[in-house]
Amino acid sequence: MQFIDLQAQRARISDKINAAVAKVIEEGRYIMGPEVKAFEAQLAEFGQADHAIGCANGTEALALPLMAWGIRPGDAVFCPSFTFAATAEVVPWLGASPVFVDIDPNTYNIDPDHLEATIEAVKAEGKLRPRVIIAVDLFGQPADYPRISAIAKKHDLKLISDSAQGFGCTLNGNHPIKWADVATTSFFPAKPLGCYGDGGAVLTNDAALAERLDSLRVHGKAVPSDIQGRTFDHDTKYLNMRIGMNSRLDTIQAAILIEKLAIFADEIEARNRVAARYNAHLADHAASVPAMIDGGVSVWAQYTIEHDNRDGLAAHLKSQGVPSAVYYPIPIHQQDVYSVYPTGPGGLPVSDEKAGRVISLPMHPYLDEATQDRVIEAVRGFNG
């Protein structure tokens, strides 16, 4: 049994992927080839955005808008601690400070009430300038964007939807970009929409920002607005207008993602069927099963339950041949290198508690009912 079965998906579309990869190899346009632009257009349409900018990975997808907005030392970026380190990691890259916010106990996403209290506390202290909120679509479901967006507007902050786990999730039929200034995602192979290596993207409805992001991902190259009214008869990548980075999405990965995106909506539906069946059979055998925000549709990057004896359950599942995973056993704010950064008023008690209680079960679109039953019976059979 696989925790995430990537080969089951490959069996479905291997001929198309093999042909797409072979075409790239034969044509030889390995960097920023035509498949990159084609995939960006399709990704933007799927995610209800005007623009999508591919990049090298989901971490740099978070860094690029921070760079575009000029985030610098003394700036505060508010984010949850109960997430992968990349969410906060990009902030010190620019000399700014992450400020950690607690999570909602039901959805595990950033708690809007604690977020606002944290922003107000930082403002009152006066040491940092509040600039950006990064909300994470943890385990695949959308954060409370209507409330978070209202808070961002009230305090004149930018809002990033970190949808590395949640690209494709919706809230009342809308993707996070309806509320966020940018939405970012990762194409790490285990993500719901993953490639066969590293990759990422930034989505936005801001044309000027999209152009700047395009510049930043290619070493700060000149973009059309940079060369208006001036003559430069050479490749614009040799006219560098800003400090950028090398963060391009490989053409081969874009070609693979085009084929995967074509079946993504169907896979999201399949993931929701698996999650519903898990919920129905496990509700009485766990401290909690996943709770969805009203109007939300998750892409179920992970299916996560809580258990009073999480580690005992993990050992039992292993003995039954059922894989599991723990996200995240040490919240970011507890890790030594991040412990120097501030947390919101009262600390992060919910994040601290959940880190010892959550456990994720096998989840992917090709999890048949017989395999689901093995997982269900293994969980139900634990009496610890």
Protein backbone atom coordinates (compact mmCIF):
# COMPACT_ATOMS: atom_id res chain seq x y z
CA MET A 1 0.00 0.00 0.00
CA GLN A 2 1.28 3.46 -0.91
CA PHE A 3 0.66 6.59 1.15
CA ILE A 4 0.43 8.49 -2.15
CA ASP A 5 0.38 6.27 -5.25
CA LEU A 6 1.97 8.27 -8.05
CA GLN A 7 2.32 5.24 -10.28
CA ALA A 8 -1.45 4.67 -10.38
CA GLN A 9 -1.86 8.09 -11.97
CA ARG A 10 1.04 7.44 -14.32
CA ALA A 11 -0.60 4.25 -15.54
CA ARG A 12 -3.63 6.33 -16.56
CA ILE A 13 -1.79 8.90 -18.65
CA SER A 14 1.67 7.45 -19.24
CA ASP A 15 1.31 7.41 -23.04
CA LYS A 16 0.40 11.10 -23.12
CA ILE A 17 3.17 12.06 -20.72
CA ASN A 18 5.76 10.02 -22.57
CA ALA A 19 4.76 11.65 -25.85
CA ALA A 20 4.82 15.13 -24.30
CA VAL A 21 8.29 14.60 -22.83
CA ALA A 22 9.61 13.10 -26.05
CA LYS A 23 8.34 16.11 -28.00
CA VAL A 24 10.27 18.50 -25.73
CA ILE A 25 13.43 16.43 -26.02
CA GLU A 26 13.16 16.24 -29.79
CA GLU A 27 12.51 19.97 -30.19
CA GLY A 28 15.28 20.90 -27.76
CA ARG A 29 13.64 23.98 -26.21
CA TYR A 30 14.37 22.88 -22.67
CA ILE A 31 14.29 26.30 -20.97
CA MET A 32 11.14 28.47 -21.28
CA GLY A 33 9.92 26.46 -24.25
CA PRO A 34 6.40 26.84 -25.68
CA GLU A 35 4.94 24.33 -23.23
CA VAL A 36 5.71 26.72 -20.35
CA LYS A 37 3.58 29.50 -21.81
CA ALA A 38 0.82 27.04 -22.76
CA PHE A 39 0.74 25.57 -19.27
CA GLU A 40 0.71 29.01 -17.64
CA ALA A 41 -2.35 29.98 -19.69
CA GLN A 42 -4.16 26.77 -18.76
CA LEU A 43 -3.20 27.06 -15.10
CA ALA A 44 -4.47 30.65 -14.92
CA GLU A 45 -7.78 29.62 -16.46
CA PHE A 46 -8.20 26.69 -14.06
CA GLY A 47 -7.34 28.87 -11.05
CA GLN A 48 -9.62 31.76 -12.13
CA ALA A 49 -6.67 34.14 -12.45
CA ASP A 50 -5.65 36.56 -15.20
CA HIS A 51 -1.98 35.56 -15.03
CA ALA A 52 0.13 32.57 -13.99
CA ILE A 53 3.92 32.70 -13.79
CA GLY A 54 5.74 29.39 -13.59
CA CYS A 55 8.85 29.12 -11.45
CA ALA A 56 11.33 26.58 -10.15
CA ASN A 57 9.55 25.48 -6.97
CA GLY A 58 6.84 26.39 -4.49
CA THR A 59 9.25 28.05 -2.08
CA GLU A 60 10.48 30.55 -4.64
CA ALA A 61 6.86 31.10 -5.67
CA LEU A 62 6.41 32.59 -2.19
CA ALA A 63 9.62 34.59 -2.35
CA LEU A 64 8.95 36.21 -5.72
CA PRO A 65 5.96 38.37 -4.68
CA LEU A 66 7.75 39.40 -1.49
CA MET A 67 10.65 40.54 -3.66
CA ALA A 68 8.29 42.33 -6.04
CA TRP A 69 6.71 44.22 -3.14
CA GLY A 70 10.10 45.29 -1.78
CA ILE A 71 9.86 43.46 1.54
CA ARG A 72 12.92 44.39 3.58
CA PRO A 73 14.40 44.41 7.11
CA GLY A 74 11.95 45.77 9.65
CA ASP A 75 8.91 44.42 7.80
CA ALA A 76 6.53 41.91 9.41
CA VAL A 77 4.99 39.02 7.49
CA PHE A 78 2.21 37.21 9.34
CA CYS A 79 1.89 33.45 8.81
CA PRO A 80 0.85 30.29 10.62
CA SER A 81 3.41 28.13 12.37
CA PHE A 82 1.52 24.87 11.79
CA THR A 83 2.74 24.44 8.22
CA PHE A 84 5.85 23.43 6.32
CA ALA A 85 8.90 25.61 7.01
CA ALA A 86 8.93 27.08 3.49
CA THR A 87 6.01 29.37 4.36
CA ALA A 88 8.14 31.24 6.89
CA GLU A 89 11.56 30.49 5.44
CA VAL A 90 11.27 32.97 2.59
CA VAL A 91 10.73 35.92 4.93
CA PRO A 92 14.21 36.01 6.54
CA TRP A 93 15.70 35.64 3.05
CA LEU A 94 14.76 39.28 2.60
CA GLY A 95 15.79 40.30 6.09
CA ALA A 96 12.17 40.64 7.22
CA SER A 97 10.55 38.99 10.22
CA PRO A 98 7.91 36.26 10.19
CA VAL A 99 5.32 36.76 12.92
CA PHE A 100 3.61 33.52 13.85
CA VAL A 101 -0.16 33.26 14.21
CA ASP A 102 -2.23 30.44 15.72
CA ILE A 103 -4.64 28.21 13.80
CA ASP A 104 -8.33 27.41 13.88
CA PRO A 105 -8.74 24.16 15.88
CA ASN A 106 -11.12 22.65 13.32
CA THR A 107 -9.59 23.49 9.93
CA TYR A 108 -5.93 23.94 11.00
CA ASN A 109 -5.80 27.09 8.88
CA ILE A 110 -4.80 30.53 10.18
CA ASP A 111 -7.20 31.86 12.84
CA PRO A 112 -8.57 35.25 11.68
CA ASP A 113 -9.24 36.42 15.23
CA HIS A 114 -5.69 35.69 16.36
CA LEU A 115 -4.37 37.15 13.12
CA GLU A 116 -6.01 40.51 13.76
CA ALA A 117 -4.92 40.52 17.40
CA THR A 118 -1.36 39.79 16.29
CA ILE A 119 -1.34 42.59 13.71
CA GLU A 120 -2.64 45.04 16.28
CA ALA A 121 -0.03 43.93 18.83
CA VAL A 122 2.80 44.42 16.32
CA LYS A 123 1.47 47.85 15.43
CA ALA A 124 1.22 48.81 19.09
CA GLU A 125 4.77 47.66 19.81
CA GLY A 126 6.08 49.71 16.90
CA LYS A 127 9.23 47.70 16.21
CA LEU A 128 8.09 46.11 12.93
CA ARG A 129 6.11 47.40 9.93
CA PRO A 130 3.16 45.08 9.10
CA ARG A 131 3.33 44.36 5.36
CA VAL A 132 2.03 40.94 4.29
CA ILE A 133 -0.21 38.06 5.39
CA ILE A 134 0.52 34.54 4.15
CA ALA A 135 -2.50 32.28 4.60
CA VAL A 136 -1.93 28.55 4.02
CA ASP A 137 -4.49 26.17 2.50
CA LEU A 138 -3.37 23.40 4.81
CA PHE A 139 -4.04 19.78 3.88
CA GLY A 140 -5.88 21.04 0.78
CA GLN A 141 -8.76 23.16 2.03
CA PRO A 142 -9.11 26.94 1.67
CA ALA A 143 -8.43 29.31 4.51
CA ASP A 144 -11.16 31.74 5.60
CA TYR A 145 -10.36 34.21 2.83
CA PRO A 146 -13.37 36.52 3.19
CA ARG A 147 -12.37 37.30 6.78
CA ILE A 148 -8.63 37.32 6.14
CA SER A 149 -9.03 39.60 3.13
CA ALA A 150 -11.12 42.03 5.15
CA ILE A 151 -8.37 42.13 7.79
CA ALA A 152 -5.71 42.67 5.11
CA LYS A 153 -7.64 45.58 3.60
CA LYS A 154 -8.33 47.11 7.00
CA HIS A 155 -4.62 47.17 7.83
CA ASP A 156 -3.40 47.87 4.26
CA LEU A 157 -1.53 44.56 3.96
CA LYS A 158 -0.81 42.36 0.98
CA LEU A 159 -2.29 38.85 1.06
CA ILE A 160 -0.67 35.68 -0.27
CA SER A 161 -2.56 32.43 -0.56
CA ASP A 162 0.05 29.71 0.00
CA SER A 163 -1.77 26.99 -1.90
CA ALA A 164 1.17 24.59 -2.16
CA GLN A 165 -1.10 21.89 -0.72
CA GLY A 166 -4.37 23.39 -1.82
CA PHE A 167 -4.25 24.46 -5.45
CA GLY A 168 -7.66 23.69 -6.90
CA CYS A 169 -9.53 24.22 -3.63
CA THR A 170 -12.53 26.54 -3.71
CA LEU A 171 -14.69 28.52 -1.32
CA ASN A 172 -18.25 29.07 -2.49
CA GLY A 173 -17.08 28.18 -5.97
CA ASN A 174 -14.22 30.69 -5.98
CA HIS A 175 -10.49 30.00 -6.00
CA PRO A 176 -8.39 31.86 -3.40
CA ILE A 177 -7.24 34.42 -5.97
CA LYS A 178 -10.67 36.05 -5.66
CA TRP A 179 -9.46 37.44 -2.33
CA ALA A 180 -5.66 37.22 -2.40
CA ASP A 181 -3.19 39.49 -4.17
CA VAL A 182 -1.37 36.38 -5.29
CA ALA A 183 -1.86 32.65 -4.96
CA THR A 184 1.19 30.41 -5.01
CA THR A 185 1.51 26.70 -5.51
CA SER A 186 4.04 23.88 -5.63
CA PHE A 187 4.32 21.11 -8.18
CA PHE A 188 6.40 18.86 -5.92
CA PRO A 189 5.54 15.31 -7.03
CA ALA A 190 3.43 14.45 -3.97
CA LYS A 191 1.20 17.53 -4.29
CA PRO A 192 -2.30 17.06 -5.73
CA LEU A 193 -1.05 18.68 -8.96
CA GLY A 194 2.55 17.53 -9.06
CA CYS A 195 5.20 17.17 -11.74
CA TYR A 196 8.15 14.78 -11.94
CA GLY A 197 10.59 17.05 -10.14
CA ASP A 198 10.42 20.51 -8.64
CA GLY A 199 8.21 23.30 -9.91
CA GLY A 200 5.93 26.08 -8.76
CA ALA A 201 3.79 28.98 -9.90
CA VAL A 202 2.39 32.35 -8.86
CA LEU A 203 -1.11 33.42 -9.90
CA THR A 204 -2.35 37.01 -9.86
CA ASN A 205 -4.89 39.35 -11.40
CA ASP A 206 -2.43 42.27 -11.35
CA ALA A 207 -0.84 42.68 -14.80
CA ALA A 208 1.94 44.97 -13.59
CA LEU A 209 2.82 42.56 -10.79
CA ALA A 210 2.81 39.62 -13.21
CA GLU A 211 5.28 41.46 -15.43
CA ARG A 212 7.56 42.20 -12.49
CA LEU A 213 7.40 38.56 -11.37
CA ASP A 214 8.38 37.49 -14.88
CA SER A 215 11.40 39.76 -14.62
CA LEU A 216 12.40 38.58 -11.17
CA ARG A 217 12.27 34.89 -12.05
CA VAL A 218 14.81 35.46 -14.87
CA HIS A 219 17.59 37.43 -13.18
CA GLY A 220 15.69 40.73 -13.20
CA LYS A 221 15.54 40.85 -16.99
CA ALA A 222 13.97 43.82 -18.76
CA VAL A 223 10.26 43.44 -19.48
CA PRO A 224 8.17 45.47 -21.95
CA SER A 225 7.41 48.30 -19.53
CA ASP A 226 11.14 48.66 -18.79
CA ILE A 227 12.12 49.37 -22.37
CA GLN A 228 9.34 51.72 -23.37
CA GLY A 229 10.90 54.84 -24.83
CA ARG A 230 14.38 53.36 -25.08
CA THR A 231 16.27 51.31 -27.64
CA PHE A 232 17.80 47.95 -26.80
CA ASP A 233 18.47 45.76 -29.80
CA HIS A 234 19.60 42.66 -27.92
CA ASP A 235 17.96 39.92 -25.86
CA THR A 236 16.25 41.60 -22.90
CA LYS A 237 17.68 39.02 -20.52
CA TYR A 238 20.96 40.93 -20.90
CA LEU A 239 19.35 44.18 -19.76
CA ASN A 240 18.90 43.61 -16.04
CA MET A 241 16.59 46.09 -14.37
CA ARG A 242 16.33 44.64 -10.85
CA ILE A 243 17.96 42.07 -8.61
CA GLY A 244 16.28 38.79 -9.48
CA MET A 245 16.92 35.07 -9.32
CA ASN A 246 17.01 32.02 -11.57
CA SER A 247 13.60 30.45 -10.98
CA ARG A 248 12.24 29.11 -14.25
CA LEU A 249 9.82 26.19 -14.67
CA ASP A 250 11.48 23.54 -16.84
CA THR A 251 9.83 22.89 -20.19
CA ILE A 252 9.68 19.14 -19.55
CA GLN A 253 7.86 19.71 -16.27
CA ALA A 254 5.42 22.08 -17.96
CA ALA A 255 4.71 19.44 -20.60
CA ILE A 256 4.01 16.87 -17.88
CA LEU A 257 1.79 19.31 -15.99
CA ILE A 258 -0.32 20.04 -19.08
CA GLU A 259 -1.32 16.38 -19.16
CA LYS A 260 -1.87 16.22 -15.41
CA LEU A 261 -3.97 19.39 -15.37
CA ALA A 262 -6.27 17.85 -17.98
CA ILE A 263 -7.40 15.20 -15.47
CA PHE A 264 -7.05 17.30 -12.31
CA ALA A 265 -10.75 18.18 -11.89
CA ASP A 266 -11.67 14.51 -12.13
CA GLU A 267 -9.00 13.65 -9.56
CA ILE A 268 -10.30 16.29 -7.14
CA GLU A 269 -13.74 14.67 -7.32
CA ALA A 270 -12.19 11.26 -6.65
CA ARG A 271 -10.26 12.59 -3.67
CA ASN A 272 -13.48 13.97 -2.21
CA ARG A 273 -15.20 10.61 -2.60
CA VAL A 274 -12.38 8.92 -0.70
CA ALA A 275 -12.46 11.56 2.05
CA ALA A 276 -16.24 11.26 2.44
CA ARG A 277 -15.99 7.51 2.81
CA TYR A 278 -13.18 7.82 5.35
CA ASN A 279 -15.24 10.33 7.33
CA ALA A 280 -18.30 8.08 7.37
CA HIS A 281 -16.39 5.06 8.68
CA LEU A 282 -13.89 6.75 11.02
CA ALA A 283 -15.97 9.42 12.77
CA ASP A 284 -16.54 7.19 15.79
CA HIS A 285 -13.00 5.86 15.92
CA ALA A 286 -10.93 9.04 16.15
CA ALA A 287 -10.94 12.10 18.35
CA SER A 288 -11.88 14.01 15.21
CA VAL A 289 -12.11 13.60 11.46
CA PRO A 290 -11.51 16.53 9.09
CA ALA A 291 -13.90 19.48 9.36
CA MET A 292 -14.47 21.66 6.30
CA ILE A 293 -15.02 25.39 6.24
CA ASP A 294 -18.59 26.23 5.16
CA GLY A 295 -18.74 26.34 1.37
CA GLY A 296 -15.26 24.90 1.00
CA VAL A 297 -14.08 22.15 -1.34
CA SER A 298 -10.73 20.59 -0.48
CA VAL A 299 -8.28 18.93 -2.84
CA TRP A 300 -7.27 16.64 0.05
CA ALA A 301 -3.51 16.83 -0.21
CA GLN A 302 -3.69 14.92 3.07
CA TYR A 303 -6.50 13.23 4.99
CA THR A 304 -5.77 14.04 8.64
CA ILE A 305 -7.46 12.79 11.78
CA GLU A 306 -6.75 13.43 15.45
CA HIS A 307 -6.20 10.68 17.99
CA ASP A 308 -5.58 10.76 21.74
CA ASN A 309 -2.77 8.24 21.28
CA ARG A 310 -1.39 9.38 17.95
CA ASP A 311 1.98 7.68 18.24
CA GLY A 312 0.41 4.42 19.37
CA LEU A 313 -1.94 4.51 16.39
CA ALA A 314 0.97 5.17 14.05
CA ALA A 315 2.83 2.13 15.38
CA HIS A 316 -0.32 -0.01 15.08
CA LEU A 317 -0.93 1.09 11.50
CA LYS A 318 2.68 0.27 10.60
CA SER A 319 2.23 -3.23 12.05
CA GLN A 320 -0.81 -3.65 9.78
CA GLY A 321 1.06 -2.55 6.68
CA VAL A 322 -0.74 0.79 6.51
CA PRO A 323 1.51 3.84 5.99
CA SER A 324 0.83 7.10 7.79
CA ALA A 325 2.50 10.48 8.22
CA VAL A 326 2.63 13.22 10.84
CA TYR A 327 2.35 16.85 9.67
CA TYR A 328 3.84 18.77 11.56
CA PRO A 329 5.41 17.27 14.70
CA ILE A 330 7.35 20.45 15.54
CA PRO A 331 5.58 23.70 14.59
CA ILE A 332 7.89 26.25 13.03
CA HIS A 333 7.91 28.61 16.02
CA GLN A 334 9.23 25.82 18.25
CA GLN A 335 12.24 25.14 16.03
CA ASP A 336 15.45 26.70 17.29
CA VAL A 337 16.25 28.76 14.21
CA TYR A 338 12.75 30.30 14.13
CA SER A 339 12.26 30.67 17.89
CA VAL A 340 13.82 34.15 17.76
CA TYR A 341 10.83 35.50 15.80
CA PRO A 342 7.68 36.83 17.46
CA THR A 343 4.40 35.02 18.03
CA GLY A 344 0.96 36.49 18.50
CA PRO A 345 -0.57 37.39 21.87
CA GLY A 346 -0.90 34.42 24.19
CA GLY A 347 1.40 32.24 22.11
CA LEU A 348 0.18 29.48 19.81
CA PRO A 349 -1.56 26.95 22.08
CA VAL A 350 -3.68 25.37 19.34
CA SER A 351 -0.66 24.79 17.09
CA ASP A 352 1.24 23.32 20.02
CA GLU A 353 -1.60 20.95 20.88
CA LYS A 354 -2.38 19.76 17.36
CA ALA A 355 1.25 18.88 16.69
CA GLY A 356 0.91 15.99 19.13
CA ARG A 357 -2.48 14.75 17.95
CA VAL A 358 -2.71 14.73 14.15
CA ILE A 359 -1.95 11.81 11.87
CA SER A 360 -2.53 11.55 8.13
CA LEU A 361 -3.76 8.43 6.34
CA PRO A 362 -3.21 7.25 2.75
CA MET A 363 -4.93 9.60 0.31
CA HIS A 364 -4.85 9.81 -3.48
CA PRO A 365 -7.44 9.72 -6.28
CA TYR A 366 -6.80 6.07 -7.14
CA LEU A 367 -7.40 4.64 -3.67
CA ASP A 368 -9.94 1.89 -4.37
CA GLU A 369 -12.56 0.84 -1.83
CA ALA A 370 -10.78 -2.40 -0.95
CA THR A 371 -7.66 -0.47 0.00
CA GLN A 372 -9.73 2.14 1.80
CA ASP A 373 -11.30 -0.69 3.81
CA ARG A 374 -7.86 -1.92 4.86
CA VAL A 375 -7.04 1.56 6.18
CA ILE A 376 -10.42 1.92 7.88
CA GLU A 377 -10.25 -1.47 9.57
CA ALA A 378 -6.70 -0.85 10.74
CA VAL A 379 -7.74 2.42 12.42
CA ARG A 380 -10.89 0.89 13.89
CA GLY A 381 -8.89 -2.07 15.21
CA PHE A 382 -6.63 0.07 17.38
CA ASN A 383 -7.66 0.01 21.04
CA GLY A 384 -4.81 1.99 22.53
